[in-house]
């Protein structure tokens, strides 16, 4: 199947996705889930991440609807926000913010600035789409506060923190939650990958709105 394109798709991107599809071969993923995987491989340069990608049931549909409705996008780093903002601006004009904009100047005792900023940002923007690529502490706080009823649940969590300290645990806790989620198992992740996932959803939702997606 050829790649549906937007007027802002660069020819190199289109050719890259074509080659990635050849590398990946057959997959159980279809539609937007497959597109999201392809975008992650494009951003990482590594087809070996394919078995690590997980979706909760209906996660992409929830995310597409939220983004198409203009939901705020919250990220744990300025880098991820900068990578998503151009696609958001070209599509649904979603506000994109790094939670560090709400963080205190110094980390709270026993915590991190990202976690503190996440709590305040979510309180200000219930129903946001949340991207976590670098701060497992922010993911843990989100899960704890939502489970306790102290914060409204976000529309979608894209949980792909990278690293070796607290990362695996936070991903396990996300997997055990009832939140709509897209996550990357193991130690891989990062700002570039959560941004790629969000951009894939924005792109698909925009094509769908324009009627440019092939019928199933």
C-alpha atoms as a PDB file:
ATOM      1  CA  UNK A   1       0.000   0.000   0.000  1.00  0.00           C
ATOM      2  CA  UNK A   2       1.344   3.442  -0.885  1.00  0.00           C
ATOM      3  CA  UNK A   3       1.809   6.023   1.836  1.00  0.00           C
ATOM      4  CA  UNK A   4      -0.959   8.651   2.057  1.00  0.00           C
ATOM      5  CA  UNK A   5       0.829  12.008   2.110  1.00  0.00           C
ATOM      6  CA  UNK A   6       0.240  15.544   3.286  1.00  0.00           C
ATOM      7  CA  UNK A   7       1.423  18.680   1.582  1.00  0.00           C
ATOM      8  CA  UNK A   8       4.126  18.973   4.265  1.00  0.00           C
ATOM      9  CA  UNK A   9       5.613  15.476   3.822  1.00  0.00           C
ATOM     10  CA  UNK A  10       9.169  15.749   2.512  1.00  0.00           C
ATOM     11  CA  UNK A  11      10.043  13.322  -0.316  1.00  0.00           C
ATOM     12  CA  UNK A  12      12.858  11.902   1.807  1.00  0.00           C
ATOM     13  CA  UNK A  13      10.345  11.062   4.554  1.00  0.00           C
ATOM     14  CA  UNK A  14       8.069   9.341   2.055  1.00  0.00           C
ATOM     15  CA  UNK A  15      10.943   7.279   0.644  1.00  0.00           C
ATOM     16  CA  UNK A  16      12.171   6.463   4.154  1.00  0.00           C
ATOM     17  CA  UNK A  17       8.767   5.090   5.143  1.00  0.00           C
ATOM     18  CA  UNK A  18       8.663   2.995   1.980  1.00  0.00           C
ATOM     19  CA  UNK A  19      12.002   1.418   2.890  1.00  0.00           C
ATOM     20  CA  UNK A  20      10.975   0.953   6.527  1.00  0.00           C
ATOM     21  CA  UNK A  21       7.893  -0.967   5.388  1.00  0.00           C
ATOM     22  CA  UNK A  22      10.111  -3.306   3.434  1.00  0.00           C
ATOM     23  CA  UNK A  23      12.364  -3.815   6.464  1.00  0.00           C
ATOM     24  CA  UNK A  24       9.486  -4.479   8.845  1.00  0.00           C
ATOM     25  CA  UNK A  25       7.640  -6.854   6.555  1.00  0.00           C
ATOM     26  CA  UNK A  26       4.381  -8.331   7.780  1.00  0.00           C
ATOM     27  CA  UNK A  27       3.034  -7.108  11.106  1.00  0.00           C
ATOM     28  CA  UNK A  28      -0.018  -7.610  13.270  1.00  0.00           C
ATOM     29  CA  UNK A  29      -0.275  -3.831  13.481  1.00  0.00           C
ATOM     30  CA  UNK A  30      -2.487  -2.060  10.960  1.00  0.00           C
ATOM     31  CA  UNK A  31      -3.700   1.458  10.316  1.00  0.00           C
ATOM     32  CA  UNK A  32      -2.534   4.177  12.656  1.00  0.00           C
ATOM     33  CA  UNK A  33      -0.731   1.687  14.937  1.00  0.00           C
ATOM     34  CA  UNK A  34       1.399   0.593  12.001  1.00  0.00           C
ATOM     35  CA  UNK A  35       2.013   4.210  10.988  1.00  0.00           C
ATOM     36  CA  UNK A  36       3.103   5.028  14.520  1.00  0.00           C
ATOM     37  CA  UNK A  37       5.558   2.138  14.536  1.00  0.00           C
ATOM     38  CA  UNK A  38       6.969   3.252  11.187  1.00  0.00           C
ATOM     39  CA  UNK A  39       7.467   6.755  12.541  1.00  0.00           C
ATOM     40  CA  UNK A  40       9.286   5.398  15.594  1.00  0.00           C
ATOM     41  CA  UNK A  41      11.586   3.345  13.393  1.00  0.00           C
ATOM     42  CA  UNK A  42      12.174   6.388  11.198  1.00  0.00           C
ATOM     43  CA  UNK A  43      13.132   8.487  14.229  1.00  0.00           C
ATOM     44  CA  UNK A  44      15.298   5.853  15.906  1.00  0.00           C
ATOM     45  CA  UNK A  45      16.812   4.259  12.806  1.00  0.00           C
ATOM     46  CA  UNK A  46      16.206   0.917  14.488  1.00  0.00           C
ATOM     47  CA  UNK A  47      13.610  -1.611  13.272  1.00  0.00           C
ATOM     48  CA  UNK A  48      14.440  -3.749  16.327  1.00  0.00           C
ATOM     49  CA  UNK A  49      12.179  -1.586  18.474  1.00  0.00           C
ATOM     50  CA  UNK A  50       9.100  -3.060  16.762  1.00  0.00           C
ATOM     51  CA  UNK A  51       8.476  -5.848  19.354  1.00  0.00           C
ATOM     52  CA  UNK A  52       8.698  -3.319  22.207  1.00  0.00           C
ATOM     53  CA  UNK A  53       5.734  -1.183  21.168  1.00  0.00           C
ATOM     54  CA  UNK A  54       2.518  -1.633  23.149  1.00  0.00           C
ATOM     55  CA  UNK A  55      -0.970  -0.124  22.865  1.00  0.00           C
ATOM     56  CA  UNK A  56      -3.842  -0.362  25.307  1.00  0.00           C
ATOM     57  CA  UNK A  57      -7.145  -1.218  23.572  1.00  0.00           C
ATOM     58  CA  UNK A  58      -8.501   1.792  21.726  1.00  0.00           C
ATOM     59  CA  UNK A  59      -5.599   4.030  22.726  1.00  0.00           C
ATOM     60  CA  UNK A  60      -4.975   5.393  19.257  1.00  0.00           C
ATOM     61  CA  UNK A  61      -8.647   6.108  18.631  1.00  0.00           C
ATOM     62  CA  UNK A  62      -8.861   8.049  21.892  1.00  0.00           C
ATOM     63  CA  UNK A  63      -5.687   9.947  21.070  1.00  0.00           C
ATOM     64  CA  UNK A  64      -6.824  10.794  17.554  1.00  0.00           C
ATOM     65  CA  UNK A  65     -10.117  12.152  18.807  1.00  0.00           C
ATOM     66  CA  UNK A  66      -8.468  14.218  21.532  1.00  0.00           C
ATOM     67  CA  UNK A  67      -5.886  15.707  19.186  1.00  0.00           C
ATOM     68  CA  UNK A  68      -8.430  16.465  16.471  1.00  0.00           C
ATOM     69  CA  UNK A  69     -10.492  18.260  19.130  1.00  0.00           C
ATOM     70  CA  UNK A  70      -7.530  20.500  19.947  1.00  0.00           C
ATOM     71  CA  UNK A  71      -6.415  18.872  23.194  1.00  0.00           C
ATOM     72  CA  UNK A  72      -3.421  20.391  24.933  1.00  0.00           C
ATOM     73  CA  UNK A  73      -0.216  18.370  24.532  1.00  0.00           C
ATOM     74  CA  UNK A  74       1.999  18.217  27.624  1.00  0.00           C
ATOM     75  CA  UNK A  75       5.580  16.960  27.413  1.00  0.00           C
ATOM     76  CA  UNK A  76       8.166  16.293  30.079  1.00  0.00           C
ATOM     77  CA  UNK A  77      10.927  18.146  28.212  1.00  0.00           C
ATOM     78  CA  UNK A  78      11.304  21.267  26.102  1.00  0.00           C
ATOM     79  CA  UNK A  79      13.003  19.108  23.459  1.00  0.00           C
ATOM     80  CA  UNK A  80       9.904  16.968  22.969  1.00  0.00           C
ATOM     81  CA  UNK A  81       7.683  20.049  22.905  1.00  0.00           C
ATOM     82  CA  UNK A  82       9.858  21.633  20.215  1.00  0.00           C
ATOM     83  CA  UNK A  83       9.651  18.459  18.110  1.00  0.00           C
ATOM     84  CA  UNK A  84       5.845  18.287  18.287  1.00  0.00           C
ATOM     85  CA  UNK A  85       4.932  21.958  18.002  1.00  0.00           C
ATOM     86  CA  UNK A  86       5.522  22.285  14.217  1.00  0.00           C
ATOM     87  CA  UNK A  87       3.207  19.354  13.416  1.00  0.00           C
ATOM     88  CA  UNK A  88       0.597  20.615  15.880  1.00  0.00           C
ATOM     89  CA  UNK A  89       0.747  24.071  14.296  1.00  0.00           C
ATOM     90  CA  UNK A  90       0.289  22.635  10.776  1.00  0.00           C
ATOM     91  CA  UNK A  91      -2.674  20.497  11.770  1.00  0.00           C
ATOM     92  CA  UNK A  92      -5.060  21.276  14.643  1.00  0.00           C
ATOM     93  CA  UNK A  93      -3.135  24.103  16.359  1.00  0.00           C
ATOM     94  CA  UNK A  94      -2.968  22.132  19.614  1.00  0.00           C
ATOM     95  CA  UNK A  95      -1.208  24.076  22.372  1.00  0.00           C
ATOM     96  CA  UNK A  96       2.061  22.301  23.221  1.00  0.00           C
ATOM     97  CA  UNK A  97       3.734  22.876  26.581  1.00  0.00           C
ATOM     98  CA  UNK A  98       6.627  21.400  28.517  1.00  0.00           C
ATOM     99  CA  UNK A  99       5.599  20.687  32.102  1.00  0.00           C
ATOM    100  CA  UNK A 100       8.818  22.340  33.259  1.00  0.00           C
ATOM    101  CA  UNK A 101       7.005  25.628  32.577  1.00  0.00           C
ATOM    102  CA  UNK A 102       5.063  24.829  35.777  1.00  0.00           C
ATOM    103  CA  UNK A 103       8.045  23.473  37.717  1.00  0.00           C
ATOM    104  CA  UNK A 104       9.604  25.206  40.732  1.00  0.00           C
ATOM    105  CA  UNK A 105      13.063  26.679  40.305  1.00  0.00           C
ATOM    106  CA  UNK A 106      14.549  23.987  42.549  1.00  0.00           C
ATOM    107  CA  UNK A 107      13.549  20.324  42.910  1.00  0.00           C
ATOM    108  CA  UNK A 108      11.292  19.632  45.901  1.00  0.00           C
ATOM    109  CA  UNK A 109      12.721  17.473  48.666  1.00  0.00           C
ATOM    110  CA  UNK A 110      12.647  13.852  47.527  1.00  0.00           C
ATOM    111  CA  UNK A 111      11.259  14.757  44.103  1.00  0.00           C
ATOM    112  CA  UNK A 112      12.129  16.202  40.722  1.00  0.00           C
ATOM    113  CA  UNK A 113      11.210  19.398  38.905  1.00  0.00           C
ATOM    114  CA  UNK A 114       9.586  17.348  36.120  1.00  0.00           C
ATOM    115  CA  UNK A 115       7.305  15.541  38.574  1.00  0.00           C
ATOM    116  CA  UNK A 116       6.311  18.758  40.320  1.00  0.00           C
ATOM    117  CA  UNK A 117       5.677  20.428  36.990  1.00  0.00           C
ATOM    118  CA  UNK A 118       3.612  17.485  35.782  1.00  0.00           C
ATOM    119  CA  UNK A 119       1.288  17.743  38.774  1.00  0.00           C
ATOM    120  CA  UNK A 120       0.658  21.442  38.221  1.00  0.00           C
ATOM    121  CA  UNK A 121       0.369  21.154  34.446  1.00  0.00           C
ATOM    122  CA  UNK A 122      -2.180  18.332  34.636  1.00  0.00           C
ATOM    123  CA  UNK A 123      -4.214  20.258  37.176  1.00  0.00           C
ATOM    124  CA  UNK A 124      -4.269  23.188  34.743  1.00  0.00           C
ATOM    125  CA  UNK A 125      -5.040  21.029  31.691  1.00  0.00           C
ATOM    126  CA  UNK A 126      -7.226  18.006  32.504  1.00  0.00           C
ATOM    127  CA  UNK A 127      -7.760  15.762  29.511  1.00  0.00           C
ATOM    128  CA  UNK A 128      -4.398  16.597  27.965  1.00  0.00           C
ATOM    129  CA  UNK A 129      -2.363  14.235  25.814  1.00  0.00           C
ATOM    130  CA  UNK A 130       0.778  13.549  27.879  1.00  0.00           C
ATOM    131  CA  UNK A 131       4.179  12.632  26.421  1.00  0.00           C
ATOM    132  CA  UNK A 132       6.867  11.277  28.741  1.00  0.00           C
ATOM    133  CA  UNK A 133      10.211  10.456  27.164  1.00  0.00           C
ATOM    134  CA  UNK A 134      12.768  11.341  29.815  1.00  0.00           C
ATOM    135  CA  UNK A 135      11.274  11.548  33.312  1.00  0.00           C
ATOM    136  CA  UNK A 136       9.965   8.344  34.896  1.00  0.00           C
ATOM    137  CA  UNK A 137       9.376  10.351  38.070  1.00  0.00           C
ATOM    138  CA  UNK A 138       6.811  12.460  36.204  1.00  0.00           C
ATOM    139  CA  UNK A 139       5.104   9.308  34.954  1.00  0.00           C
ATOM    140  CA  UNK A 140       5.004   7.808  38.443  1.00  0.00           C
ATOM    141  CA  UNK A 141       3.527  10.975  39.912  1.00  0.00           C
ATOM    142  CA  UNK A 142       0.875  11.120  37.195  1.00  0.00           C
ATOM    143  CA  UNK A 143      -0.139   7.526  37.887  1.00  0.00           C
ATOM    144  CA  UNK A 144      -0.217   8.001  41.661  1.00  0.00           C
ATOM    145  CA  UNK A 145      -2.280  11.208  41.566  1.00  0.00           C
ATOM    146  CA  UNK A 146      -4.764   9.897  39.029  1.00  0.00           C
ATOM    147  CA  UNK A 147      -5.201   6.624  40.950  1.00  0.00           C
ATOM    148  CA  UNK A 148      -5.815   8.618  44.131  1.00  0.00           C
ATOM    149  CA  UNK A 149      -8.411  10.788  42.438  1.00  0.00           C
ATOM    150  CA  UNK A 150      -6.307  13.907  43.020  1.00  0.00           C
ATOM    151  CA  UNK A 151      -5.967  14.594  39.269  1.00  0.00           C
ATOM    152  CA  UNK A 152      -8.264  14.001  36.311  1.00  0.00           C
ATOM    153  CA  UNK A 153      -7.015  11.319  33.933  1.00  0.00           C
ATOM    154  CA  UNK A 154      -5.284  12.535  30.786  1.00  0.00           C
ATOM    155  CA  UNK A 155      -6.834  11.620  27.449  1.00  0.00           C
ATOM    156  CA  UNK A 156      -3.766   9.565  26.496  1.00  0.00           C
ATOM    157  CA  UNK A 157      -0.337   8.835  27.934  1.00  0.00           C
ATOM    158  CA  UNK A 158       2.559   8.136  25.580  1.00  0.00           C
ATOM    159  CA  UNK A 159       5.008   6.631  28.062  1.00  0.00           C
ATOM    160  CA  UNK A 160       8.475   6.102  26.655  1.00  0.00           C
ATOM    161  CA  UNK A 161      10.973   7.254  29.285  1.00  0.00           C
ATOM    162  CA  UNK A 162      14.517   6.296  28.418  1.00  0.00           C
ATOM    163  CA  UNK A 163      17.198   5.000  30.766  1.00  0.00           C
ATOM    164  CA  UNK A 164      17.930   2.557  33.534  1.00  0.00           C
ATOM    165  CA  UNK A 165      16.836   4.158  36.827  1.00  0.00           C
ATOM    166  CA  UNK A 166      13.135   3.915  37.557  1.00  0.00           C
ATOM    167  CA  UNK A 167      12.276   3.472  33.891  1.00  0.00           C
ATOM    168  CA  UNK A 168      11.249  -0.188  33.834  1.00  0.00           C
ATOM    169  CA  UNK A 169       9.247   0.237  37.023  1.00  0.00           C
ATOM    170  CA  UNK A 170       7.352   3.260  35.719  1.00  0.00           C
ATOM    171  CA  UNK A 171       6.488   1.424  32.504  1.00  0.00           C
ATOM    172  CA  UNK A 172       5.220  -1.565  34.472  1.00  0.00           C
ATOM    173  CA  UNK A 173       3.052   0.708  36.574  1.00  0.00           C
ATOM    174  CA  UNK A 174       1.700   2.401  33.448  1.00  0.00           C
ATOM    175  CA  UNK A 175       0.917  -0.992  31.921  1.00  0.00           C
ATOM    176  CA  UNK A 176      -0.989  -1.993  35.069  1.00  0.00           C
ATOM    177  CA  UNK A 177      -3.089   1.177  35.003  1.00  0.00           C
ATOM    178  CA  UNK A 178      -6.379   1.627  33.183  1.00  0.00           C
ATOM    179  CA  UNK A 179      -5.184   4.758  31.381  1.00  0.00           C
ATOM    180  CA  UNK A 180      -5.262   4.847  27.568  1.00  0.00           C
ATOM    181  CA  UNK A 181      -1.609   4.435  26.720  1.00  0.00           C
ATOM    182  CA  UNK A 182       1.093   3.861  24.155  1.00  0.00           C
ATOM    183  CA  UNK A 183       4.391   2.705  25.577  1.00  0.00           C
ATOM    184  CA  UNK A 184       7.773   1.333  24.583  1.00  0.00           C
ATOM    185  CA  UNK A 185       8.944  -1.503  26.803  1.00  0.00           C
ATOM    186  CA  UNK A 186      12.480  -1.821  28.129  1.00  0.00           C
ATOM    187  CA  UNK A 187      15.053   0.948  28.544  1.00  0.00           C
ATOM    188  CA  UNK A 188      14.501   2.610  25.162  1.00  0.00           C
ATOM    189  CA  UNK A 189      12.612   5.814  24.635  1.00  0.00           C
ATOM    190  CA  UNK A 190      13.408   9.502  24.747  1.00  0.00           C
ATOM    191  CA  UNK A 191      12.126  12.863  23.630  1.00  0.00           C
ATOM    192  CA  UNK A 192      12.540  12.077  19.953  1.00  0.00           C
ATOM    193  CA  UNK A 193      10.447   8.927  20.147  1.00  0.00           C
ATOM    194  CA  UNK A 194       7.535  10.330  22.146  1.00  0.00           C
ATOM    195  CA  UNK A 195       7.482  13.265  19.737  1.00  0.00           C
ATOM    196  CA  UNK A 196       7.498  10.876  16.779  1.00  0.00           C
ATOM    197  CA  UNK A 197       4.536   8.992  18.239  1.00  0.00           C
ATOM    198  CA  UNK A 198       2.566  12.195  18.778  1.00  0.00           C
ATOM    199  CA  UNK A 199       3.418  13.440  15.297  1.00  0.00           C
ATOM    200  CA  UNK A 200       2.217  10.167  13.791  1.00  0.00           C
ATOM    201  CA  UNK A 201      -1.129  10.584  15.558  1.00  0.00           C
ATOM    202  CA  UNK A 202      -1.445  14.230  14.525  1.00  0.00           C
ATOM    203  CA  UNK A 203      -0.614  13.397  10.921  1.00  0.00           C
ATOM    204  CA  UNK A 204      -3.100  10.520  10.773  1.00  0.00           C
ATOM    205  CA  UNK A 205      -5.867  12.580  12.376  1.00  0.00           C
ATOM    206  CA  UNK A 206      -5.234  15.398   9.902  1.00  0.00           C
ATOM    207  CA  UNK A 207      -5.326  13.083   6.883  1.00  0.00           C
ATOM    208  CA  UNK A 208      -8.499  11.529   8.223  1.00  0.00           C
ATOM    209  CA  UNK A 209     -10.080  14.957   8.637  1.00  0.00           C
ATOM    210  CA  UNK A 210      -9.125  15.863   5.078  1.00  0.00           C
ATOM    211  CA  UNK A 211     -10.535  12.574   3.755  1.00  0.00           C
ATOM    212  CA  UNK A 212      -7.126  11.548   2.409  1.00  0.00           C
ATOM    213  CA  UNK A 213      -6.860   8.146   4.081  1.00  0.00           C
ATOM    214  CA  UNK A 214      -7.722   5.005   2.086  1.00  0.00           C
ATOM    215  CA  UNK A 215     -10.747   3.092   3.288  1.00  0.00           C
ATOM    216  CA  UNK A 216     -10.037  -0.032   5.349  1.00  0.00           C
END
